[in-house]
Amino acid sequence: MKDKQVIEYPCQGETYNNPEYGVYLYGKYERSSVLYGQTKRVFLDSFPTLEEAKAAYPKAKWDGPGVCGHIPVEQAIAHIPDDTDY
């Protein structure tokens, strides 16, 4: 997956949910990560209006309101064993 910029509304993550337009960079976690191969979502910026977000990030994709790529932490790490036998 090639990295891409996406505008989402509302601006939502694990610890926040704001009525703003959030801009995120999507890609894949690198081989050195325990999340290797899974989708990586990085917050870039947020704006009060869609027009401001588009002006600041003209290459960002907008799919409409209500589209959010946030994945809860519990779901993202579900594949990691929880045993303590190191």
PDB file of N, CA and C in Angstrom:
ATOM      1  N   MET A   1       0.848  -1.183   0.000  1.00  0.00           N
ATOM      2  CA  MET A   1       0.000   0.000   0.000  1.00  0.00           C
ATOM      3  C   MET A   1       0.891   1.243   0.000  1.00  0.00           C
ATOM      4  N   LYS A   2       0.674   2.098  -0.959  1.00  0.00           N
ATOM      5  CA  LYS A   2       1.384   3.366  -0.992  1.00  0.00           C
ATOM      6  C   LYS A   2       0.743   4.311   0.020  1.00  0.00           C
ATOM      7  N   ASP A   3       1.571   5.094   0.721  1.00  0.00           N
ATOM      8  CA  ASP A   3       1.037   6.051   1.693  1.00  0.00           C
ATOM      9  C   ASP A   3       0.087   7.025   1.010  1.00  0.00           C
ATOM     10  N   LYS A   4      -1.006   7.352   1.699  1.00  0.00           N
ATOM     11  CA  LYS A   4      -1.966   8.320   1.151  1.00  0.00           C
ATOM     12  C   LYS A   4      -2.512   9.187   2.265  1.00  0.00           C
ATOM     13  N   GLN A   5      -2.875  10.405   1.913  1.00  0.00           N
ATOM     14  CA  GLN A   5      -3.474  11.348   2.859  1.00  0.00           C
ATOM     15  C   GLN A   5      -4.990  11.281   2.716  1.00  0.00           C
ATOM     16  N   VAL A   6      -5.668  11.308   3.877  1.00  0.00           N
ATOM     17  CA  VAL A   6      -7.124  11.208   3.901  1.00  0.00           C
ATOM     18  C   VAL A   6      -7.678  12.248   4.869  1.00  0.00           C
ATOM     19  N   ILE A   7      -8.771  12.908   4.462  1.00  0.00           N
ATOM     20  CA  ILE A   7      -9.486  13.832   5.346  1.00  0.00           C
ATOM     21  C   ILE A   7     -10.680  13.077   5.919  1.00  0.00           C
ATOM     22  N   GLU A   8     -10.833  13.143   7.249  1.00  0.00           N
ATOM     23  CA  GLU A   8     -11.926  12.445   7.916  1.00  0.00           C
ATOM     24  C   GLU A   8     -12.706  13.414   8.804  1.00  0.00           C
ATOM     25  N   TYR A   9     -14.019  13.148   8.909  1.00  0.00           N
ATOM     26  CA  TYR A   9     -14.863  13.921   9.820  1.00  0.00           C
ATOM     27  C   TYR A   9     -15.829  12.974  10.494  1.00  0.00           C
ATOM     28  N   PRO A  10     -15.906  12.948  11.815  1.00  0.00           N
ATOM     29  CA  PRO A  10     -15.158  13.788  12.750  1.00  0.00           C
ATOM     30  C   PRO A  10     -13.720  13.307  12.901  1.00  0.00           C
ATOM     31  N   CYS A  11     -12.917  14.153  13.493  1.00  0.00           N
ATOM     32  CA  CYS A  11     -11.519  13.856  13.787  1.00  0.00           C
ATOM     33  C   CYS A  11     -11.530  12.944  15.018  1.00  0.00           C
ATOM     34  N   GLN A  12     -11.237  11.643  14.832  1.00  0.00           N
ATOM     35  CA  GLN A  12     -11.441  10.682  15.903  1.00  0.00           C
ATOM     36  C   GLN A  12     -10.260   9.734  16.046  1.00  0.00           C
ATOM     37  N   GLY A  13      -9.892   9.469  17.306  1.00  0.00           N
ATOM     38  CA  GLY A  13      -8.832   8.524  17.614  1.00  0.00           C
ATOM     39  C   GLY A  13      -9.130   7.819  18.915  1.00  0.00           C
ATOM     40  N   GLU A  14      -8.148   7.125  19.458  1.00  0.00           N
ATOM     41  CA  GLU A  14      -8.349   6.353  20.691  1.00  0.00           C
ATOM     42  C   GLU A  14      -8.731   7.237  21.874  1.00  0.00           C
ATOM     43  N   THR A  15      -8.145   8.436  21.949  1.00  0.00           N
ATOM     44  CA  THR A  15      -8.366   9.301  23.118  1.00  0.00           C
ATOM     45  C   THR A  15      -9.036  10.631  22.782  1.00  0.00           C
ATOM     46  N   TYR A  16      -9.549  10.775  21.588  1.00  0.00           N
ATOM     47  CA  TYR A  16     -10.176  12.044  21.211  1.00  0.00           C
ATOM     48  C   TYR A  16     -11.281  11.829  20.173  1.00  0.00           C
ATOM     49  N   ASN A  17     -12.228  12.746  20.140  1.00  0.00           N
ATOM     50  CA  ASN A  17     -13.299  12.759  19.150  1.00  0.00           C
ATOM     51  C   ASN A  17     -13.742  14.209  19.025  1.00  0.00           C
ATOM     52  N   ASN A  18     -13.242  14.897  18.011  1.00  0.00           N
ATOM     53  CA  ASN A  18     -13.473  16.327  17.846  1.00  0.00           C
ATOM     54  C   ASN A  18     -14.306  16.624  16.605  1.00  0.00           C
ATOM     55  N   PRO A  19     -15.195  17.605  16.674  1.00  0.00           N
ATOM     56  CA  PRO A  19     -16.000  17.985  15.517  1.00  0.00           C
ATOM     57  C   PRO A  19     -15.197  18.857  14.554  1.00  0.00           C
ATOM     58  N   GLU A  20     -14.089  18.309  14.070  1.00  0.00           N
ATOM     59  CA  GLU A  20     -13.210  18.989  13.117  1.00  0.00           C
ATOM     60  C   GLU A  20     -12.856  18.020  11.997  1.00  0.00           C
ATOM     61  N   TYR A  21     -12.226  18.550  10.973  1.00  0.00           N
ATOM     62  CA  TYR A  21     -11.768  17.738   9.849  1.00  0.00           C
ATOM     63  C   TYR A  21     -10.320  17.341  10.110  1.00  0.00           C
ATOM     64  N   GLY A  22     -10.100  16.060  10.333  1.00  0.00           N
ATOM     65  CA  GLY A  22      -8.764  15.557  10.608  1.00  0.00           C
ATOM     66  C   GLY A  22      -8.104  15.066   9.340  1.00  0.00           C
ATOM     67  N   VAL A  23      -6.814  15.316   9.219  1.00  0.00           N
ATOM     68  CA  VAL A  23      -6.040  14.823   8.082  1.00  0.00           C
ATOM     69  C   VAL A  23      -5.094  13.752   8.615  1.00  0.00           C
ATOM     70  N   TYR A  24      -5.104  12.589   7.966  1.00  0.00           N
ATOM     71  CA  TYR A  24      -4.314  11.440   8.390  1.00  0.00           C
ATOM     72  C   TYR A  24      -3.497  10.900   7.225  1.00  0.00           C
ATOM     73  N   LEU A  25      -2.370  10.301   7.570  1.00  0.00           N
ATOM     74  CA  LEU A  25      -1.540   9.620   6.588  1.00  0.00           C
ATOM     75  C   LEU A  25      -1.707   8.127   6.826  1.00  0.00           C
ATOM     76  N   TYR A  26      -2.105   7.398   5.784  1.00  0.00           N
ATOM     77  CA  TYR A  26      -2.283   5.953   5.861  1.00  0.00           C
ATOM     78  C   TYR A  26      -1.147   5.254   5.135  1.00  0.00           C
ATOM     79  N   GLY A  27      -0.693   4.169   5.733  1.00  0.00           N
ATOM     80  CA  GLY A  27       0.335   3.342   5.128  1.00  0.00           C
ATOM     81  C   GLY A  27       0.306   1.980   5.804  1.00  0.00           C
ATOM     82  N   LYS A  28       1.441   1.285   5.819  1.00  0.00           N
ATOM     83  CA  LYS A  28       1.571  -0.016   6.474  1.00  0.00           C
ATOM     84  C   LYS A  28       2.700   0.042   7.495  1.00  0.00           C
ATOM     85  N   TYR A  29       2.534  -0.699   8.598  1.00  0.00           N
ATOM     86  CA  TYR A  29       3.600  -0.796   9.585  1.00  0.00           C
ATOM     87  C   TYR A  29       4.773  -1.562   8.988  1.00  0.00           C
ATOM     88  N   GLU A  30       5.977  -1.111   9.316  1.00  0.00           N
ATOM     89  CA  GLU A  30       7.201  -1.711   8.791  1.00  0.00           C
ATOM     90  C   GLU A  30       7.497  -3.052   9.466  1.00  0.00           C
ATOM     91  N   ARG A  31       8.418  -3.793   8.886  1.00  0.00           N
ATOM     92  CA  ARG A  31       8.758  -5.149   9.335  1.00  0.00           C
ATOM     93  C   ARG A  31       9.192  -5.204  10.803  1.00  0.00           C
ATOM     94  N   SER A  32       9.810  -4.156  11.311  1.00  0.00           N
ATOM     95  CA  SER A  32      10.303  -4.166  12.691  1.00  0.00           C
ATOM     96  C   SER A  32       9.197  -3.987  13.738  1.00  0.00           C
ATOM     97  N   SER A  33       7.989  -3.732  13.311  1.00  0.00           N
ATOM     98  CA  SER A  33       6.874  -3.494  14.227  1.00  0.00           C
ATOM     99  C   SER A  33       6.115  -4.786  14.541  1.00  0.00           C
ATOM    100  N   VAL A  34       5.578  -4.890  15.770  1.00  0.00           N
ATOM    101  CA  VAL A  34       4.703  -6.023  16.097  1.00  0.00           C
ATOM    102  C   VAL A  34       3.400  -5.939  15.312  1.00  0.00           C
ATOM    103  N   LEU A  35       3.121  -4.787  14.741  1.00  0.00           N
ATOM    104  CA  LEU A  35       1.931  -4.601  13.913  1.00  0.00           C
ATOM    105  C   LEU A  35       2.259  -4.715  12.417  1.00  0.00           C
ATOM    106  N   TYR A  36       3.393  -5.323  12.093  1.00  0.00           N
ATOM    107  CA  TYR A  36       3.868  -5.453  10.712  1.00  0.00           C
ATOM    108  C   TYR A  36       2.744  -5.869   9.760  1.00  0.00           C
ATOM    109  N   GLY A  37       2.640  -5.122   8.674  1.00  0.00           N
ATOM    110  CA  GLY A  37       1.675  -5.432   7.634  1.00  0.00           C
ATOM    111  C   GLY A  37       0.289  -4.850   7.849  1.00  0.00           C
ATOM    112  N   GLN A  38      -0.016  -4.415   9.058  1.00  0.00           N
ATOM    113  CA  GLN A  38      -1.325  -3.830   9.316  1.00  0.00           C
ATOM    114  C   GLN A  38      -1.341  -2.363   8.887  1.00  0.00           C
ATOM    115  N   THR A  39      -2.523  -1.834   8.725  1.00  0.00           N
ATOM    116  CA  THR A  39      -2.673  -0.438   8.329  1.00  0.00           C
ATOM    117  C   THR A  39      -2.186   0.489   9.430  1.00  0.00           C
ATOM    118  N   LYS A  40      -1.398   1.470   9.031  1.00  0.00           N
ATOM    119  CA  LYS A  40      -0.867   2.488   9.952  1.00  0.00           C
ATOM    120  C   LYS A  40      -1.576   3.802   9.643  1.00  0.00           C
ATOM    121  N   ARG A  41      -2.090   4.451  10.674  1.00  0.00           N
ATOM    122  CA  ARG A  41      -2.825   5.714  10.522  1.00  0.00           C
ATOM    123  C   ARG A  41      -2.155   6.750  11.419  1.00  0.00           C
ATOM    124  N   VAL A  42      -1.639   7.823  10.807  1.00  0.00           N
ATOM    125  CA  VAL A  42      -0.901   8.851  11.536  1.00  0.00           C
ATOM    126  C   VAL A  42      -1.634  10.185  11.408  1.00  0.00           C
ATOM    127  N   PHE A  43      -1.935  10.807  12.552  1.00  0.00           N
ATOM    128  CA  PHE A  43      -2.580  12.117  12.556  1.00  0.00           C
ATOM    129  C   PHE A  43      -1.598  13.169  12.045  1.00  0.00           C
ATOM    130  N   LEU A  44      -2.045  14.015  11.108  1.00  0.00           N
ATOM    131  CA  LEU A  44      -1.211  15.092  10.573  1.00  0.00           C
ATOM    132  C   LEU A  44      -1.649  16.461  11.083  1.00  0.00           C
ATOM    133  N   ASP A  45      -2.966  16.742  11.023  1.00  0.00           N
ATOM    134  CA  ASP A  45      -3.462  18.066  11.407  1.00  0.00           C
ATOM    135  C   ASP A  45      -4.983  18.030  11.447  1.00  0.00           C
ATOM    136  N   SER A  46      -5.589  19.084  11.994  1.00  0.00           N
ATOM    137  CA  SER A  46      -7.049  19.202  11.968  1.00  0.00           C
ATOM    138  C   SER A  46      -7.438  20.646  11.679  1.00  0.00           C
ATOM    139  N   PHE A  47      -8.665  20.797  11.151  1.00  0.00           N
ATOM    140  CA  PHE A  47      -9.142  22.105  10.704  1.00  0.00           C
ATOM    141  C   PHE A  47     -10.631  22.241  11.011  1.00  0.00           C
ATOM    142  N   PRO A  48     -11.100  23.482  11.239  1.00  0.00           N
ATOM    143  CA  PRO A  48     -12.519  23.684  11.520  1.00  0.00           C
ATOM    144  C   PRO A  48     -13.413  23.494  10.290  1.00  0.00           C
ATOM    145  N   THR A  49     -12.857  23.653   9.086  1.00  0.00           N
ATOM    146  CA  THR A  49     -13.678  23.503   7.872  1.00  0.00           C
ATOM    147  C   THR A  49     -13.000  22.566   6.873  1.00  0.00           C
ATOM    148  N   LEU A  50     -13.818  21.963   6.031  1.00  0.00           N
ATOM    149  CA  LEU A  50     -13.319  21.090   4.974  1.00  0.00           C
ATOM    150  C   LEU A  50     -12.470  21.883   3.980  1.00  0.00           C
ATOM    151  N   GLU A  51     -12.883  23.092   3.686  1.00  0.00           N
ATOM    152  CA  GLU A  51     -12.144  23.922   2.728  1.00  0.00           C
ATOM    153  C   GLU A  51     -10.717  24.188   3.206  1.00  0.00           C
ATOM    154  N   GLU A  52     -10.554  24.452   4.504  1.00  0.00           N
ATOM    155  CA  GLU A  52      -9.207  24.688   5.052  1.00  0.00           C
ATOM    156  C   GLU A  52      -8.356  23.414   4.980  1.00  0.00           C
ATOM    157  N   ALA A  53      -8.968  22.284   5.271  1.00  0.00           N
ATOM    158  CA  ALA A  53      -8.237  21.016   5.202  1.00  0.00           C
ATOM    159  C   ALA A  53      -7.794  20.723   3.769  1.00  0.00           C
ATOM    160  N   LYS A  54      -8.685  20.946   2.806  1.00  0.00           N
ATOM    161  CA  LYS A  54      -8.351  20.712   1.397  1.00  0.00           C
ATOM    162  C   LYS A  54      -7.274  21.674   0.908  1.00  0.00           C
ATOM    163  N   ALA A  55      -7.326  22.918   1.376  1.00  0.00           N
ATOM    164  CA  ALA A  55      -6.328  23.909   0.967  1.00  0.00           C
ATOM    165  C   ALA A  55      -4.941  23.550   1.502  1.00  0.00           C
ATOM    166  N   ALA A  56      -4.878  23.060   2.730  1.00  0.00           N
ATOM    167  CA  ALA A  56      -3.605  22.710   3.344  1.00  0.00           C
ATOM    168  C   ALA A  56      -3.059  21.382   2.822  1.00  0.00           C
ATOM    169  N   TYR A  57      -3.940  20.463   2.448  1.00  0.00           N
ATOM    170  CA  TYR A  57      -3.554  19.132   1.965  1.00  0.00           C
ATOM    171  C   TYR A  57      -4.316  18.832   0.672  1.00  0.00           C
ATOM    172  N   PRO A  58      -3.918  19.481  -0.433  1.00  0.00           N
ATOM    173  CA  PRO A  58      -4.669  19.338  -1.688  1.00  0.00           C
ATOM    174  C   PRO A  58      -4.686  17.910  -2.261  1.00  0.00           C
ATOM    175  N   LYS A  59      -3.752  17.065  -1.876  1.00  0.00           N
ATOM    176  CA  LYS A  59      -3.710  15.689  -2.387  1.00  0.00           C
ATOM    177  C   LYS A  59      -4.518  14.723  -1.517  1.00  0.00           C
ATOM    178  N   ALA A  60      -5.041  15.210  -0.393  1.00  0.00           N
ATOM    179  CA  ALA A  60      -5.787  14.347   0.523  1.00  0.00           C
ATOM    180  C   ALA A  60      -7.139  13.967  -0.068  1.00  0.00           C
ATOM    181  N   LYS A  61      -7.534  12.711   0.165  1.00  0.00           N
ATOM    182  CA  LYS A  61      -8.800  12.188  -0.324  1.00  0.00           C
ATOM    183  C   LYS A  61      -9.905  12.480   0.696  1.00  0.00           C
ATOM    184  N   TRP A  62     -11.081  12.850   0.202  1.00  0.00           N
ATOM    185  CA  TRP A  62     -12.248  13.118   1.053  1.00  0.00           C
ATOM    186  C   TRP A  62     -13.378  12.222   0.586  1.00  0.00           C
ATOM    187  N   ASP A  63     -13.871  11.326   1.474  1.00  0.00           N
ATOM    188  CA  ASP A  63     -14.942  10.404   1.119  1.00  0.00           C
ATOM    189  C   ASP A  63     -16.282  10.770   1.733  1.00  0.00           C
ATOM    190  N   GLY A  64     -16.336  11.907   2.413  1.00  0.00           N
ATOM    191  CA  GLY A  64     -17.590  12.344   3.008  1.00  0.00           C
ATOM    192  C   GLY A  64     -17.598  12.185   4.512  1.00  0.00           C
ATOM    193  N   PRO A  65     -18.577  12.803   5.169  1.00  0.00           N
ATOM    194  CA  PRO A  65     -18.643  12.748   6.630  1.00  0.00           C
ATOM    195  C   PRO A  65     -18.953  11.342   7.136  1.00  0.00           C
ATOM    196  N   GLY A  66     -18.495  11.078   8.348  1.00  0.00           N
ATOM    197  CA  GLY A  66     -18.768   9.794   8.974  1.00  0.00           C
ATOM    198  C   GLY A  66     -17.774   8.700   8.639  1.00  0.00           C
ATOM    199  N   VAL A  67     -16.862   8.967   7.716  1.00  0.00           N
ATOM    200  CA  VAL A  67     -15.845   7.982   7.354  1.00  0.00           C
ATOM    201  C   VAL A  67     -14.654   8.173   8.284  1.00  0.00           C
ATOM    202  N   CYS A  68     -14.326   7.130   9.038  1.00  0.00           N
ATOM    203  CA  CYS A  68     -13.244   7.213  10.003  1.00  0.00           C
ATOM    204  C   CYS A  68     -12.468   5.905   9.992  1.00  0.00           C
ATOM    205  N   GLY A  69     -11.161   5.999   9.952  1.00  0.00           N
ATOM    206  CA  GLY A  69     -10.322   4.808   9.916  1.00  0.00           C
ATOM    207  C   GLY A  69      -9.773   4.390  11.255  1.00  0.00           C
ATOM    208  N   HIS A  70     -10.300   4.974  12.331  1.00  0.00           N
ATOM    209  CA  HIS A  70      -9.806   4.623  13.660  1.00  0.00           C
ATOM    210  C   HIS A  70     -10.093   3.158  13.972  1.00  0.00           C
ATOM    211  N   ILE A  71      -9.067   2.445  14.469  1.00  0.00           N
ATOM    212  CA  ILE A  71      -9.207   1.058  14.904  1.00  0.00           C
ATOM    213  C   ILE A  71      -8.879   1.022  16.390  1.00  0.00           C
ATOM    214  N   PRO A  72      -9.794   0.548  17.231  1.00  0.00           N
ATOM    215  CA  PRO A  72      -9.517   0.484  18.668  1.00  0.00           C
ATOM    216  C   PRO A  72      -8.262  -0.344  18.959  1.00  0.00           C
ATOM    217  N   VAL A  73      -7.505   0.050  19.966  1.00  0.00           N
ATOM    218  CA  VAL A  73      -6.253  -0.615  20.314  1.00  0.00           C
ATOM    219  C   VAL A  73      -6.464  -2.113  20.537  1.00  0.00           C
ATOM    220  N   GLU A  74      -7.522  -2.487  21.239  1.00  0.00           N
ATOM    221  CA  GLU A  74      -7.777  -3.900  21.514  1.00  0.00           C
ATOM    222  C   GLU A  74      -7.862  -4.720  20.229  1.00  0.00           C
ATOM    223  N   GLN A  75      -8.447  -4.155  19.205  1.00  0.00           N
ATOM    224  CA  GLN A  75      -8.577  -4.842  17.925  1.00  0.00           C
ATOM    225  C   GLN A  75      -7.237  -4.888  17.196  1.00  0.00           C
ATOM    226  N   ALA A  76      -6.483  -3.810  17.268  1.00  0.00           N
ATOM    227  CA  ALA A  76      -5.203  -3.732  16.554  1.00  0.00           C
ATOM    228  C   ALA A  76      -4.164  -4.706  17.093  1.00  0.00           C
ATOM    229  N   ILE A  77      -4.229  -5.001  18.392  1.00  0.00           N
ATOM    230  CA  ILE A  77      -3.213  -5.877  18.990  1.00  0.00           C
ATOM    231  C   ILE A  77      -3.752  -7.265  19.324  1.00  0.00           C
ATOM    232  N   ALA A  78      -4.925  -7.597  18.853  1.00  0.00           N
ATOM    233  CA  ALA A  78      -5.563  -8.872  19.189  1.00  0.00           C
ATOM    234  C   ALA A  78      -4.726 -10.084  18.771  1.00  0.00           C
ATOM    235  N   HIS A  79      -3.878  -9.935  17.765  1.00  0.00           N
ATOM    236  CA  HIS A  79      -3.073 -11.055  17.271  1.00  0.00           C
ATOM    237  C   HIS A  79      -1.835 -11.339  18.128  1.00  0.00           C
ATOM    238  N   ILE A  80      -1.516 -10.454  19.062  1.00  0.00           N
ATOM    239  CA  ILE A  80      -0.318 -10.604  19.885  1.00  0.00           C
ATOM    240  C   ILE A  80      -0.641 -11.509  21.079  1.00  0.00           C
ATOM    241  N   PRO A  81       0.139 -12.573  21.297  1.00  0.00           N
ATOM    242  CA  PRO A  81      -0.120 -13.442  22.442  1.00  0.00           C
ATOM    243  C   PRO A  81      -0.016 -12.686  23.756  1.00  0.00           C
ATOM    244  N   ASP A  82      -0.853 -13.053  24.711  1.00  0.00           N
ATOM    245  CA  ASP A  82      -0.811 -12.359  25.996  1.00  0.00           C
ATOM    246  C   ASP A  82      -0.124 -13.191  27.078  1.00  0.00           C
ATOM    247  N   ASP A  83       0.592 -14.231  26.677  1.00  0.00           N
ATOM    248  CA  ASP A  83       1.322 -15.000  27.689  1.00  0.00           C
ATOM    249  C   ASP A  83       2.577 -14.251  28.103  1.00  0.00           C
ATOM    250  N   THR A  84       3.069 -14.589  29.262  1.00  0.00           N
ATOM    251  CA  THR A  84       4.252 -13.897  29.783  1.00  0.00           C
ATOM    252  C   THR A  84       5.482 -14.806  29.763  1.00  0.00           C
ATOM    253  N   ASP A  85       5.481 -15.825  28.954  1.00  0.00           N
ATOM    254  CA  ASP A  85       6.598 -16.751  28.847  1.00  0.00           C
ATOM    255  C   ASP A  85       7.604 -16.205  27.837  1.00  0.00           C
ATOM    256  N   TYR A  86       8.516 -15.388  28.295  1.00  0.00           N
ATOM    257  CA  TYR A  86       9.502 -14.765  27.423  1.00  0.00           C
ATOM    258  C   TYR A  86      10.677 -15.683  27.336  1.00  0.00           C
TER     259      TYR A  86
END
